[in-house]
Amino acid sequence: MTTWQIVRVVAGLFILLSLALGIPGSPIFVSPWWLAFTAFVGLNLFQSGLTKWCLMETILRKLGVKSGA
């Protein structure tokens, strides 16, 4: 997998997990404050789309993951 694929998979996983932990009807509900994490991930995706820079992608490149096209 390339860096951009990993970033999107991890972002999607974080969003789904934080929704499951933050929505009261969920069987694994913990606290509605988990929805703030959902917003944080969404804002990071928005920011990286505008600036074309993502911290996680930079870290993955330094770890030797192949950069995407």
PDB file of N, CA and C in Angstrom:
ATOM      1  N   MET A   1       0.845  -1.189   0.000  1.00  0.00           N
ATOM      2  CA  MET A   1       0.000   0.000   0.000  1.00  0.00           C
ATOM      3  C   MET A   1       0.882   1.243   0.000  1.00  0.00           C
ATOM      4  N   THR A   2       0.367   2.295  -0.589  1.00  0.00           N
ATOM      5  CA  THR A   2       1.112   3.549  -0.630  1.00  0.00           C
ATOM      6  C   THR A   2       0.660   4.444   0.530  1.00  0.00           C
ATOM      7  N   THR A   3       1.395   5.544   0.724  1.00  0.00           N
ATOM      8  CA  THR A   3       1.106   6.422   1.859  1.00  0.00           C
ATOM      9  C   THR A   3      -0.315   6.979   1.812  1.00  0.00           C
ATOM     10  N   TRP A   4      -0.747   7.419   0.617  1.00  0.00           N
ATOM     11  CA  TRP A   4      -2.082   8.020   0.550  1.00  0.00           C
ATOM     12  C   TRP A   4      -3.172   6.991   0.812  1.00  0.00           C
ATOM     13  N   GLN A   5      -2.946   5.728   0.440  1.00  0.00           N
ATOM     14  CA  GLN A   5      -3.930   4.688   0.726  1.00  0.00           C
ATOM     15  C   GLN A   5      -3.998   4.406   2.223  1.00  0.00           C
ATOM     16  N   ILE A   6      -2.848   4.338   2.864  1.00  0.00           N
ATOM     17  CA  ILE A   6      -2.813   4.079   4.306  1.00  0.00           C
ATOM     18  C   ILE A   6      -3.488   5.214   5.072  1.00  0.00           C
ATOM     19  N   VAL A   7      -3.212   6.462   4.681  1.00  0.00           N
ATOM     20  CA  VAL A   7      -3.824   7.619   5.347  1.00  0.00           C
ATOM     21  C   VAL A   7      -5.337   7.531   5.262  1.00  0.00           C
ATOM     22  N   ARG A   8      -5.867   7.209   4.108  1.00  0.00           N
ATOM     23  CA  ARG A   8      -7.317   7.152   3.937  1.00  0.00           C
ATOM     24  C   ARG A   8      -7.941   5.979   4.681  1.00  0.00           C
ATOM     25  N   VAL A   9      -7.266   4.837   4.700  1.00  0.00           N
ATOM     26  CA  VAL A   9      -7.767   3.678   5.447  1.00  0.00           C
ATOM     27  C   VAL A   9      -7.796   3.983   6.944  1.00  0.00           C
ATOM     28  N   VAL A  10      -6.721   4.556   7.454  1.00  0.00           N
ATOM     29  CA  VAL A  10      -6.647   4.884   8.879  1.00  0.00           C
ATOM     30  C   VAL A  10      -7.671   5.955   9.239  1.00  0.00           C
ATOM     31  N   ALA A  11      -7.829   6.978   8.402  1.00  0.00           N
ATOM     32  CA  ALA A  11      -8.820   8.026   8.663  1.00  0.00           C
ATOM     33  C   ALA A  11     -10.223   7.429   8.691  1.00  0.00           C
ATOM     34  N   GLY A  12     -10.541   6.585   7.729  1.00  0.00           N
ATOM     35  CA  GLY A  12     -11.852   5.936   7.717  1.00  0.00           C
ATOM     36  C   GLY A  12     -12.080   5.069   8.943  1.00  0.00           C
ATOM     37  N   LEU A  13     -11.060   4.314   9.338  1.00  0.00           N
ATOM     38  CA  LEU A  13     -11.153   3.481  10.540  1.00  0.00           C
ATOM     39  C   LEU A  13     -11.373   4.337  11.781  1.00  0.00           C
ATOM     40  N   PHE A  14     -10.606   5.433  11.912  1.00  0.00           N
ATOM     41  CA  PHE A  14     -10.768   6.331  13.062  1.00  0.00           C
ATOM     42  C   PHE A  14     -12.171   6.923  13.116  1.00  0.00           C
ATOM     43  N   ILE A  15     -12.692   7.320  11.964  1.00  0.00           N
ATOM     44  CA  ILE A  15     -14.029   7.912  11.930  1.00  0.00           C
ATOM     45  C   ILE A  15     -15.078   6.887  12.357  1.00  0.00           C
ATOM     46  N   LEU A  16     -15.018   5.687  11.792  1.00  0.00           N
ATOM     47  CA  LEU A  16     -15.998   4.657  12.143  1.00  0.00           C
ATOM     48  C   LEU A  16     -15.904   4.267  13.621  1.00  0.00           C
ATOM     49  N   LEU A  17     -14.681   4.120  14.114  1.00  0.00           N
ATOM     50  CA  LEU A  17     -14.491   3.754  15.518  1.00  0.00           C
ATOM     51  C   LEU A  17     -14.985   4.852  16.457  1.00  0.00           C
ATOM     52  N   SER A  18     -14.645   6.108  16.155  1.00  0.00           N
ATOM     53  CA  SER A  18     -15.078   7.196  17.035  1.00  0.00           C
ATOM     54  C   SER A  18     -16.587   7.388  16.989  1.00  0.00           C
ATOM     55  N   LEU A  19     -17.221   7.132  15.845  1.00  0.00           N
ATOM     56  CA  LEU A  19     -18.677   7.176  15.789  1.00  0.00           C
ATOM     57  C   LEU A  19     -19.285   6.064  16.642  1.00  0.00           C
ATOM     58  N   ALA A  20     -18.707   4.870  16.557  1.00  0.00           N
ATOM     59  CA  ALA A  20     -19.209   3.751  17.361  1.00  0.00           C
ATOM     60  C   ALA A  20     -19.059   4.026  18.857  1.00  0.00           C
ATOM     61  N   LEU A  21     -17.986   4.709  19.229  1.00  0.00           N
ATOM     62  CA  LEU A  21     -17.760   5.018  20.648  1.00  0.00           C
ATOM     63  C   LEU A  21     -18.545   6.239  21.109  1.00  0.00           C
ATOM     64  N   GLY A  22     -19.021   7.071  20.180  1.00  0.00           N
ATOM     65  CA  GLY A  22     -19.648   8.332  20.559  1.00  0.00           C
ATOM     66  C   GLY A  22     -21.146   8.427  20.375  1.00  0.00           C
ATOM     67  N   ILE A  23     -21.746   7.478  19.660  1.00  0.00           N
ATOM     68  CA  ILE A  23     -23.195   7.534  19.446  1.00  0.00           C
ATOM     69  C   ILE A  23     -23.892   6.680  20.498  1.00  0.00           C
ATOM     70  N   PRO A  24     -24.823   7.274  21.266  1.00  0.00           N
ATOM     71  CA  PRO A  24     -25.465   6.559  22.379  1.00  0.00           C
ATOM     72  C   PRO A  24     -26.133   5.235  21.999  1.00  0.00           C
ATOM     73  N   GLY A  25     -26.608   5.065  20.787  1.00  0.00           N
ATOM     74  CA  GLY A  25     -27.263   3.822  20.403  1.00  0.00           C
ATOM     75  C   GLY A  25     -26.304   2.683  20.106  1.00  0.00           C
ATOM     76  N   SER A  26     -25.019   2.969  20.067  1.00  0.00           N
ATOM     77  CA  SER A  26     -24.013   1.957  19.731  1.00  0.00           C
ATOM     78  C   SER A  26     -23.799   0.986  20.889  1.00  0.00           C
ATOM     79  N   PRO A  27     -23.563  -0.296  20.567  1.00  0.00           N
ATOM     80  CA  PRO A  27     -23.303  -1.268  21.643  1.00  0.00           C
ATOM     81  C   PRO A  27     -21.975  -1.034  22.364  1.00  0.00           C
ATOM     82  N   ILE A  28     -21.069  -0.277  21.769  1.00  0.00           N
ATOM     83  CA  ILE A  28     -19.788   0.001  22.445  1.00  0.00           C
ATOM     84  C   ILE A  28     -19.671   1.475  22.827  1.00  0.00           C
ATOM     85  N   PHE A  29     -20.812   2.127  23.039  1.00  0.00           N
ATOM     86  CA  PHE A  29     -20.833   3.548  23.407  1.00  0.00           C
ATOM     87  C   PHE A  29     -20.028   3.784  24.680  1.00  0.00           C
ATOM     88  N   VAL A  30     -19.217   4.843  24.668  1.00  0.00           N
ATOM     89  CA  VAL A  30     -18.433   5.236  25.837  1.00  0.00           C
ATOM     90  C   VAL A  30     -18.826   6.638  26.284  1.00  0.00           C
ATOM     91  N   SER A  31     -18.719   7.607  25.358  1.00  0.00           N
ATOM     92  CA  SER A  31     -19.001   8.993  25.693  1.00  0.00           C
ATOM     93  C   SER A  31     -19.266   9.773  24.405  1.00  0.00           C
ATOM     94  N   PRO A  32     -20.165  10.754  24.464  1.00  0.00           N
ATOM     95  CA  PRO A  32     -20.382  11.561  23.266  1.00  0.00           C
ATOM     96  C   PRO A  32     -19.165  12.420  22.895  1.00  0.00           C
ATOM     97  N   TRP A  33     -18.207  12.548  23.786  1.00  0.00           N
ATOM     98  CA  TRP A  33     -16.998  13.306  23.495  1.00  0.00           C
ATOM     99  C   TRP A  33     -16.161  12.653  22.402  1.00  0.00           C
ATOM    100  N   TRP A  34     -16.392  11.384  22.109  1.00  0.00           N
ATOM    101  CA  TRP A  34     -15.689  10.734  21.006  1.00  0.00           C
ATOM    102  C   TRP A  34     -16.040  11.364  19.675  1.00  0.00           C
ATOM    103  N   LEU A  35     -17.186  12.036  19.592  1.00  0.00           N
ATOM    104  CA  LEU A  35     -17.569  12.701  18.352  1.00  0.00           C
ATOM    105  C   LEU A  35     -16.632  13.870  18.045  1.00  0.00           C
ATOM    106  N   ALA A  36     -15.987  14.421  19.072  1.00  0.00           N
ATOM    107  CA  ALA A  36     -14.985  15.470  18.844  1.00  0.00           C
ATOM    108  C   ALA A  36     -13.798  14.906  18.067  1.00  0.00           C
ATOM    109  N   PHE A  37     -13.460  13.648  18.317  1.00  0.00           N
ATOM    110  CA  PHE A  37     -12.371  13.005  17.566  1.00  0.00           C
ATOM    111  C   PHE A  37     -12.767  12.837  16.105  1.00  0.00           C
ATOM    112  N   THR A  38     -14.038  12.517  15.851  1.00  0.00           N
ATOM    113  CA  THR A  38     -14.543  12.433  14.485  1.00  0.00           C
ATOM    114  C   THR A  38     -14.354  13.768  13.776  1.00  0.00           C
ATOM    115  N   ALA A  39     -14.712  14.854  14.457  1.00  0.00           N
ATOM    116  CA  ALA A  39     -14.553  16.194  13.888  1.00  0.00           C
ATOM    117  C   ALA A  39     -13.080  16.503  13.640  1.00  0.00           C
ATOM    118  N   PHE A  40     -12.200  16.106  14.547  1.00  0.00           N
ATOM    119  CA  PHE A  40     -10.770  16.337  14.401  1.00  0.00           C
ATOM    120  C   PHE A  40     -10.231  15.645  13.141  1.00  0.00           C
ATOM    121  N   VAL A  41     -10.619  14.399  12.936  1.00  0.00           N
ATOM    122  CA  VAL A  41     -10.173  13.662  11.751  1.00  0.00           C
ATOM    123  C   VAL A  41     -10.713  14.329  10.487  1.00  0.00           C
ATOM    124  N   GLY A  42     -11.971  14.726  10.511  1.00  0.00           N
ATOM    125  CA  GLY A  42     -12.560  15.406   9.363  1.00  0.00           C
ATOM    126  C   GLY A  42     -11.860  16.717   9.043  1.00  0.00           C
ATOM    127  N   LEU A  43     -11.533  17.489  10.079  1.00  0.00           N
ATOM    128  CA  LEU A  43     -10.813  18.748   9.869  1.00  0.00           C
ATOM    129  C   LEU A  43      -9.415  18.502   9.298  1.00  0.00           C
ATOM    130  N   ASN A  44      -8.761  17.446   9.764  1.00  0.00           N
ATOM    131  CA  ASN A  44      -7.438  17.122   9.220  1.00  0.00           C
ATOM    132  C   ASN A  44      -7.519  16.727   7.755  1.00  0.00           C
ATOM    133  N   LEU A  45      -8.549  15.966   7.382  1.00  0.00           N
ATOM    134  CA  LEU A  45      -8.726  15.609   5.972  1.00  0.00           C
ATOM    135  C   LEU A  45      -8.988  16.857   5.132  1.00  0.00           C
ATOM    136  N   PHE A  46      -9.815  17.753   5.652  1.00  0.00           N
ATOM    137  CA  PHE A  46     -10.116  19.005   4.968  1.00  0.00           C
ATOM    138  C   PHE A  46      -8.853  19.842   4.785  1.00  0.00           C
ATOM    139  N   GLN A  47      -8.069  19.986   5.862  1.00  0.00           N
ATOM    140  CA  GLN A  47      -6.831  20.763   5.825  1.00  0.00           C
ATOM    141  C   GLN A  47      -5.838  20.164   4.843  1.00  0.00           C
ATOM    142  N   SER A  48      -5.691  18.842   4.844  1.00  0.00           N
ATOM    143  CA  SER A  48      -4.721  18.228   3.934  1.00  0.00           C
ATOM    144  C   SER A  48      -5.164  18.352   2.480  1.00  0.00           C
ATOM    145  N   GLY A  49      -6.460  18.394   2.255  1.00  0.00           N
ATOM    146  CA  GLY A  49      -6.954  18.600   0.897  1.00  0.00           C
ATOM    147  C   GLY A  49      -6.662  19.994   0.379  1.00  0.00           C
ATOM    148  N   LEU A  50      -6.718  20.982   1.266  1.00  0.00           N
ATOM    149  CA  LEU A  50      -6.448  22.363   0.862  1.00  0.00           C
ATOM    150  C   LEU A  50      -4.959  22.669   0.743  1.00  0.00           C
ATOM    151  N   THR A  51      -4.167  22.149   1.681  1.00  0.00           N
ATOM    152  CA  THR A  51      -2.742  22.495   1.720  1.00  0.00           C
ATOM    153  C   THR A  51      -1.846  21.474   1.027  1.00  0.00           C
ATOM    154  N   LYS A  52      -2.402  20.309   0.705  1.00  0.00           N
ATOM    155  CA  LYS A  52      -1.632  19.207   0.103  1.00  0.00           C
ATOM    156  C   LYS A  52      -0.494  18.750   1.013  1.00  0.00           C
ATOM    157  N   TRP A  53      -0.696  18.849   2.325  1.00  0.00           N
ATOM    158  CA  TRP A  53       0.279  18.375   3.309  1.00  0.00           C
ATOM    159  C   TRP A  53      -0.440  17.614   4.404  1.00  0.00           C
ATOM    160  N   CYS A  54       0.085  16.446   4.762  1.00  0.00           N
ATOM    161  CA  CYS A  54      -0.498  15.616   5.809  1.00  0.00           C
ATOM    162  C   CYS A  54       0.629  15.080   6.685  1.00  0.00           C
ATOM    163  N   LEU A  55       0.543  15.321   7.971  1.00  0.00           N
ATOM    164  CA  LEU A  55       1.591  14.892   8.893  1.00  0.00           C
ATOM    165  C   LEU A  55       1.759  13.376   8.876  1.00  0.00           C
ATOM    166  N   MET A  56       0.660  12.639   8.863  1.00  0.00           N
ATOM    167  CA  MET A  56       0.758  11.180   8.867  1.00  0.00           C
ATOM    168  C   MET A  56       1.456  10.668   7.611  1.00  0.00           C
ATOM    169  N   GLU A  57       1.194  11.297   6.474  1.00  0.00           N
ATOM    170  CA  GLU A  57       1.850  10.887   5.237  1.00  0.00           C
ATOM    171  C   GLU A  57       3.354  11.156   5.315  1.00  0.00           C
ATOM    172  N   THR A  58       3.745  12.268   5.910  1.00  0.00           N
ATOM    173  CA  THR A  58       5.162  12.584   6.099  1.00  0.00           C
ATOM    174  C   THR A  58       5.826  11.544   6.990  1.00  0.00           C
ATOM    175  N   ILE A  59       5.158  11.175   8.072  1.00  0.00           N
ATOM    176  CA  ILE A  59       5.702  10.165   8.994  1.00  0.00           C
ATOM    177  C   ILE A  59       5.838   8.819   8.288  1.00  0.00           C
ATOM    178  N   LEU A  60       4.816   8.433   7.517  1.00  0.00           N
ATOM    179  CA  LEU A  60       4.872   7.159   6.800  1.00  0.00           C
ATOM    180  C   LEU A  60       6.024   7.131   5.797  1.00  0.00           C
ATOM    181  N   ARG A  61       6.267   8.247   5.105  1.00  0.00           N
ATOM    182  CA  ARG A  61       7.385   8.314   4.159  1.00  0.00           C
ATOM    183  C   ARG A  61       8.717   8.128   4.876  1.00  0.00           C
ATOM    184  N   LYS A  62       8.858   8.741   6.058  1.00  0.00           N
ATOM    185  CA  LYS A  62      10.095   8.615   6.824  1.00  0.00           C
ATOM    186  C   LYS A  62      10.288   7.182   7.331  1.00  0.00           C
ATOM    187  N   LEU A  63       9.175   6.449   7.487  1.00  0.00           N
ATOM    188  CA  LEU A  63       9.244   5.044   7.906  1.00  0.00           C
ATOM    189  C   LEU A  63       9.511   4.114   6.734  1.00  0.00           C
ATOM    190  N   GLY A  64       9.588   4.692   5.523  1.00  0.00           N
ATOM    191  CA  GLY A  64       9.946   3.899   4.358  1.00  0.00           C
ATOM    192  C   GLY A  64       8.780   3.398   3.519  1.00  0.00           C
ATOM    193  N   VAL A  65       7.572   3.862   3.806  1.00  0.00           N
ATOM    194  CA  VAL A  65       6.409   3.458   2.993  1.00  0.00           C
ATOM    195  C   VAL A  65       6.483   4.184   1.662  1.00  0.00           C
ATOM    196  N   LYS A  66       6.166   3.448   0.589  1.00  0.00           N
ATOM    197  CA  LYS A  66       6.224   3.999  -0.768  1.00  0.00           C
ATOM    198  C   LYS A  66       5.192   5.118  -0.935  1.00  0.00           C
ATOM    199  N   SER A  67       5.640   6.224  -1.490  1.00  0.00           N
ATOM    200  CA  SER A  67       4.758   7.358  -1.745  1.00  0.00           C
ATOM    201  C   SER A  67       3.865   7.051  -2.940  1.00  0.00           C
ATOM    202  N   GLY A  68       2.599   7.494  -2.875  1.00  0.00           N
ATOM    203  CA  GLY A  68       1.662   7.244  -3.952  1.00  0.00           C
ATOM    204  C   GLY A  68       1.803   8.231  -5.085  1.00  0.00           C
ATOM    205  N   ALA A  69       1.198   7.901  -6.203  1.00  0.00           N
ATOM    206  CA  ALA A  69       1.269   8.776  -7.386  1.00  0.00           C
ATOM    207  C   ALA A  69       0.239   9.875  -7.302  1.00  0.00           C
TER     208      ALA A  69
END
